[in-house]
Amino acid sequence: MKKANRAPARDKRDQRSQKLARLLGGGERSSTISAAELRHNSAAMLSRVAIGGERLTITRNRKAVAALIPISDFQSLKPSAKR
């Protein structure tokens, strides 16, 4: 029996790990990501926003459709209720 070549699977895993490391590295205050990238890396994206304070613009078909922002930014957008 011939053994299956496992190198392509390992290469793909390494590429994903490198991409995730790059995503977590961030370093920028505001970035643009695709909806597909958000779908595949949602935990990392939430960490970038919650811990790093980064603002993410989400695109679909290269058009901005949504934003992911820290809760503090969101709360400052809400009108304050006066009683």
N, C-alpha and C. Protein backbone atom coordinates (compact mmCIF):
# COMPACT_ATOMS: atom_id res chain seq x y z
N MET A 1 0.82 -1.18 0.00
CA MET A 1 0.00 0.00 0.00
C MET A 1 0.87 1.25 0.00
N LYS A 2 0.41 2.22 -0.74
CA LYS A 2 1.13 3.49 -0.82
C LYS A 2 0.59 4.44 0.25
N LYS A 3 1.50 5.07 0.99
CA LYS A 3 1.09 6.02 2.03
C LYS A 3 0.66 7.33 1.39
N ALA A 4 -0.38 7.92 1.96
CA ALA A 4 -0.86 9.21 1.46
C ALA A 4 0.13 10.30 1.85
N ASN A 5 0.31 11.21 0.95
CA ASN A 5 1.20 12.34 1.20
C ASN A 5 0.48 13.35 2.10
N ARG A 6 0.98 13.57 3.30
CA ARG A 6 0.33 14.46 4.26
C ARG A 6 0.90 15.88 4.22
N ALA A 7 1.87 16.13 3.42
CA ALA A 7 2.49 17.45 3.36
C ALA A 7 1.51 18.56 2.99
N PRO A 8 0.64 18.38 1.97
CA PRO A 8 -0.28 19.48 1.63
C PRO A 8 -1.19 19.87 2.79
N ALA A 9 -1.68 18.90 3.56
CA ALA A 9 -2.53 19.23 4.71
C ALA A 9 -1.74 20.01 5.76
N ARG A 10 -0.51 19.62 6.00
CA ARG A 10 0.34 20.32 6.96
C ARG A 10 0.62 21.74 6.48
N ASP A 11 0.91 21.90 5.19
CA ASP A 11 1.17 23.24 4.63
C ASP A 11 -0.05 24.13 4.81
N LYS A 12 -1.23 23.57 4.56
CA LYS A 12 -2.45 24.35 4.69
C LYS A 12 -2.66 24.78 6.14
N ARG A 13 -2.39 23.86 7.07
CA ARG A 13 -2.51 24.17 8.50
C ARG A 13 -1.52 25.26 8.89
N ASP A 14 -0.29 25.18 8.38
CA ASP A 14 0.71 26.20 8.68
C ASP A 14 0.29 27.56 8.14
N GLN A 15 -0.30 27.58 6.95
CA GLN A 15 -0.76 28.83 6.36
C GLN A 15 -1.86 29.45 7.22
N ARG A 16 -2.77 28.61 7.71
CA ARG A 16 -3.85 29.12 8.57
C ARG A 16 -3.28 29.68 9.87
N SER A 17 -2.30 28.98 10.44
CA SER A 17 -1.68 29.45 11.68
C SER A 17 -0.99 30.79 11.48
N GLN A 18 -0.29 30.94 10.37
CA GLN A 18 0.39 32.20 10.08
C GLN A 18 -0.61 33.32 9.89
N LYS A 19 -1.71 33.01 9.20
CA LYS A 19 -2.74 34.02 8.97
C LYS A 19 -3.37 34.46 10.30
N LEU A 20 -3.65 33.49 11.17
CA LEU A 20 -4.23 33.81 12.47
C LEU A 20 -3.27 34.66 13.30
N ALA A 21 -2.00 34.33 13.27
CA ALA A 21 -1.00 35.12 14.00
C ALA A 21 -0.96 36.55 13.47
N ARG A 22 -1.05 36.70 12.16
CA ARG A 22 -1.07 38.03 11.55
C ARG A 22 -2.32 38.79 12.00
N LEU A 23 -3.46 38.10 12.02
CA LEU A 23 -4.71 38.74 12.42
C LEU A 23 -4.67 39.19 13.87
N LEU A 24 -4.14 38.35 14.74
CA LEU A 24 -4.05 38.71 16.15
C LEU A 24 -3.05 39.82 16.40
N GLY A 25 -2.04 39.89 15.54
CA GLY A 25 -1.03 40.93 15.69
C GLY A 25 -1.61 42.30 15.48
N GLY A 26 -2.50 42.44 14.52
CA GLY A 26 -3.19 43.70 14.26
C GLY A 26 -2.26 44.89 14.26
N GLY A 27 -2.21 45.59 15.38
CA GLY A 27 -1.35 46.75 15.50
C GLY A 27 -1.99 48.03 15.00
N GLU A 28 -2.97 47.91 14.15
CA GLU A 28 -3.64 49.09 13.62
C GLU A 28 -4.88 49.36 14.45
N ARG A 29 -5.33 50.57 14.43
CA ARG A 29 -6.52 50.95 15.19
C ARG A 29 -7.78 50.67 14.39
N SER A 30 -7.70 50.66 13.07
CA SER A 30 -8.85 50.43 12.22
C SER A 30 -8.43 49.58 11.03
N SER A 31 -9.23 48.57 10.71
CA SER A 31 -8.90 47.67 9.61
C SER A 31 -10.16 47.32 8.83
N THR A 32 -9.96 46.82 7.64
CA THR A 32 -11.05 46.33 6.80
C THR A 32 -10.85 44.84 6.58
N ILE A 33 -11.92 44.07 6.80
CA ILE A 33 -11.87 42.63 6.58
C ILE A 33 -13.10 42.21 5.79
N SER A 34 -13.01 41.08 5.12
CA SER A 34 -14.16 40.57 4.37
C SER A 34 -15.08 39.79 5.30
N ALA A 35 -16.33 39.64 4.89
CA ALA A 35 -17.28 38.85 5.68
C ALA A 35 -16.81 37.41 5.79
N ALA A 36 -16.19 36.88 4.74
CA ALA A 36 -15.67 35.51 4.78
C ALA A 36 -14.55 35.39 5.80
N GLU A 37 -13.67 36.38 5.87
CA GLU A 37 -12.58 36.37 6.85
C GLU A 37 -13.14 36.43 8.27
N LEU A 38 -14.18 37.22 8.48
CA LEU A 38 -14.83 37.29 9.79
C LEU A 38 -15.46 35.94 10.14
N ARG A 39 -16.10 35.31 9.17
CA ARG A 39 -16.73 34.02 9.41
C ARG A 39 -15.71 32.96 9.83
N HIS A 40 -14.55 32.97 9.20
CA HIS A 40 -13.54 31.95 9.48
C HIS A 40 -12.69 32.26 10.72
N ASN A 41 -12.63 33.51 11.13
CA ASN A 41 -11.76 33.91 12.24
C ASN A 41 -12.50 34.78 13.25
N SER A 42 -13.75 34.45 13.54
CA SER A 42 -14.57 35.33 14.38
C SER A 42 -14.00 35.49 15.79
N ALA A 43 -13.48 34.43 16.39
CA ALA A 43 -12.94 34.55 17.75
C ALA A 43 -11.74 35.50 17.78
N ALA A 44 -10.87 35.39 16.81
CA ALA A 44 -9.70 36.27 16.74
C ALA A 44 -10.12 37.71 16.50
N MET A 45 -11.11 37.91 15.65
CA MET A 45 -11.59 39.25 15.35
C MET A 45 -12.22 39.89 16.59
N LEU A 46 -13.00 39.11 17.34
CA LEU A 46 -13.60 39.63 18.57
C LEU A 46 -12.52 40.01 19.57
N SER A 47 -11.47 39.22 19.65
CA SER A 47 -10.36 39.54 20.56
C SER A 47 -9.67 40.83 20.14
N ARG A 48 -9.47 41.01 18.85
CA ARG A 48 -8.84 42.23 18.36
C ARG A 48 -9.65 43.45 18.77
N VAL A 49 -10.97 43.34 18.69
CA VAL A 49 -11.84 44.47 19.01
C VAL A 49 -11.95 44.65 20.52
N ALA A 50 -12.26 43.57 21.24
CA ALA A 50 -12.50 43.67 22.68
C ALA A 50 -11.24 44.00 23.47
N ILE A 51 -10.14 43.35 23.14
CA ILE A 51 -8.91 43.54 23.91
C ILE A 51 -8.04 44.65 23.34
N GLY A 52 -7.93 44.66 22.02
CA GLY A 52 -7.05 45.63 21.37
C GLY A 52 -7.69 46.97 21.06
N GLY A 53 -9.02 47.06 21.18
CA GLY A 53 -9.69 48.32 20.90
C GLY A 53 -9.74 48.67 19.42
N GLU A 54 -9.50 47.69 18.58
CA GLU A 54 -9.49 47.93 17.13
C GLU A 54 -10.90 48.05 16.59
N ARG A 55 -11.06 48.81 15.55
CA ARG A 55 -12.35 48.94 14.86
C ARG A 55 -12.23 48.22 13.52
N LEU A 56 -13.19 47.35 13.22
CA LEU A 56 -13.14 46.58 11.98
C LEU A 56 -14.31 46.96 11.08
N THR A 57 -14.00 47.24 9.83
CA THR A 57 -15.03 47.46 8.83
C THR A 57 -15.17 46.15 8.06
N ILE A 58 -16.40 45.62 7.99
CA ILE A 58 -16.63 44.35 7.31
C ILE A 58 -17.17 44.65 5.92
N THR A 59 -16.57 43.98 4.93
CA THR A 59 -16.97 44.19 3.55
C THR A 59 -17.59 42.93 2.95
N ARG A 60 -18.45 43.14 1.99
CA ARG A 60 -19.00 42.06 1.19
C ARG A 60 -18.95 42.54 -0.25
N ASN A 61 -18.33 41.77 -1.09
CA ASN A 61 -18.12 42.17 -2.50
C ASN A 61 -17.42 43.53 -2.58
N ARG A 62 -16.43 43.71 -1.71
CA ARG A 62 -15.58 44.90 -1.64
C ARG A 62 -16.33 46.18 -1.26
N LYS A 63 -17.53 46.04 -0.71
CA LYS A 63 -18.31 47.20 -0.26
C LYS A 63 -18.50 47.09 1.24
N ALA A 64 -18.29 48.18 1.95
CA ALA A 64 -18.47 48.20 3.41
C ALA A 64 -19.94 47.97 3.73
N VAL A 65 -20.22 46.99 4.61
CA VAL A 65 -21.60 46.67 4.97
C VAL A 65 -21.86 46.75 6.46
N ALA A 66 -20.81 46.69 7.30
CA ALA A 66 -21.00 46.70 8.75
C ALA A 66 -19.69 47.09 9.42
N ALA A 67 -19.79 47.31 10.74
CA ALA A 67 -18.61 47.63 11.53
C ALA A 67 -18.65 46.85 12.83
N LEU A 68 -17.50 46.45 13.30
CA LEU A 68 -17.35 45.79 14.59
C LEU A 68 -16.48 46.72 15.42
N ILE A 69 -17.06 47.26 16.51
CA ILE A 69 -16.36 48.27 17.30
C ILE A 69 -16.36 47.88 18.78
N PRO A 70 -15.42 48.41 19.56
CA PRO A 70 -15.42 48.13 20.99
C PRO A 70 -16.71 48.63 21.64
N ILE A 71 -17.12 47.97 22.72
CA ILE A 71 -18.36 48.35 23.40
C ILE A 71 -18.31 49.79 23.90
N SER A 72 -17.14 50.25 24.30
CA SER A 72 -17.03 51.64 24.78
C SER A 72 -17.35 52.63 23.66
N ASP A 73 -16.94 52.33 22.44
CA ASP A 73 -17.28 53.19 21.30
C ASP A 73 -18.78 53.16 21.04
N PHE A 74 -19.36 51.97 21.13
CA PHE A 74 -20.79 51.83 20.91
C PHE A 74 -21.59 52.60 21.94
N GLN A 75 -21.19 52.50 23.21
CA GLN A 75 -21.91 53.20 24.28
C GLN A 75 -21.82 54.71 24.11
N SER A 76 -20.72 55.19 23.58
CA SER A 76 -20.60 56.64 23.38
C SER A 76 -21.47 57.12 22.22
N LEU A 77 -21.91 56.21 21.36
CA LEU A 77 -22.80 56.58 20.24
C LEU A 77 -24.26 56.68 20.69
N LYS A 78 -24.62 55.96 21.75
CA LYS A 78 -26.00 55.95 22.23
C LYS A 78 -26.35 57.30 22.86
N PRO A 79 -27.54 57.78 22.59
CA PRO A 79 -27.95 59.02 23.28
C PRO A 79 -28.18 58.73 24.76
N SER A 80 -27.72 59.61 25.60
CA SER A 80 -27.88 59.39 27.04
C SER A 80 -29.31 59.76 27.45
N ALA A 81 -29.90 58.92 28.26
CA ALA A 81 -31.28 59.17 28.73
C ALA A 81 -31.25 60.14 29.90
N LYS A 82 -31.99 61.22 29.79
CA LYS A 82 -32.08 62.21 30.88
C LYS A 82 -33.41 62.06 31.55
N ARG A 83 -33.39 61.99 32.89
CA ARG A 83 -34.65 61.88 33.66
C ARG A 83 -34.73 62.96 34.67
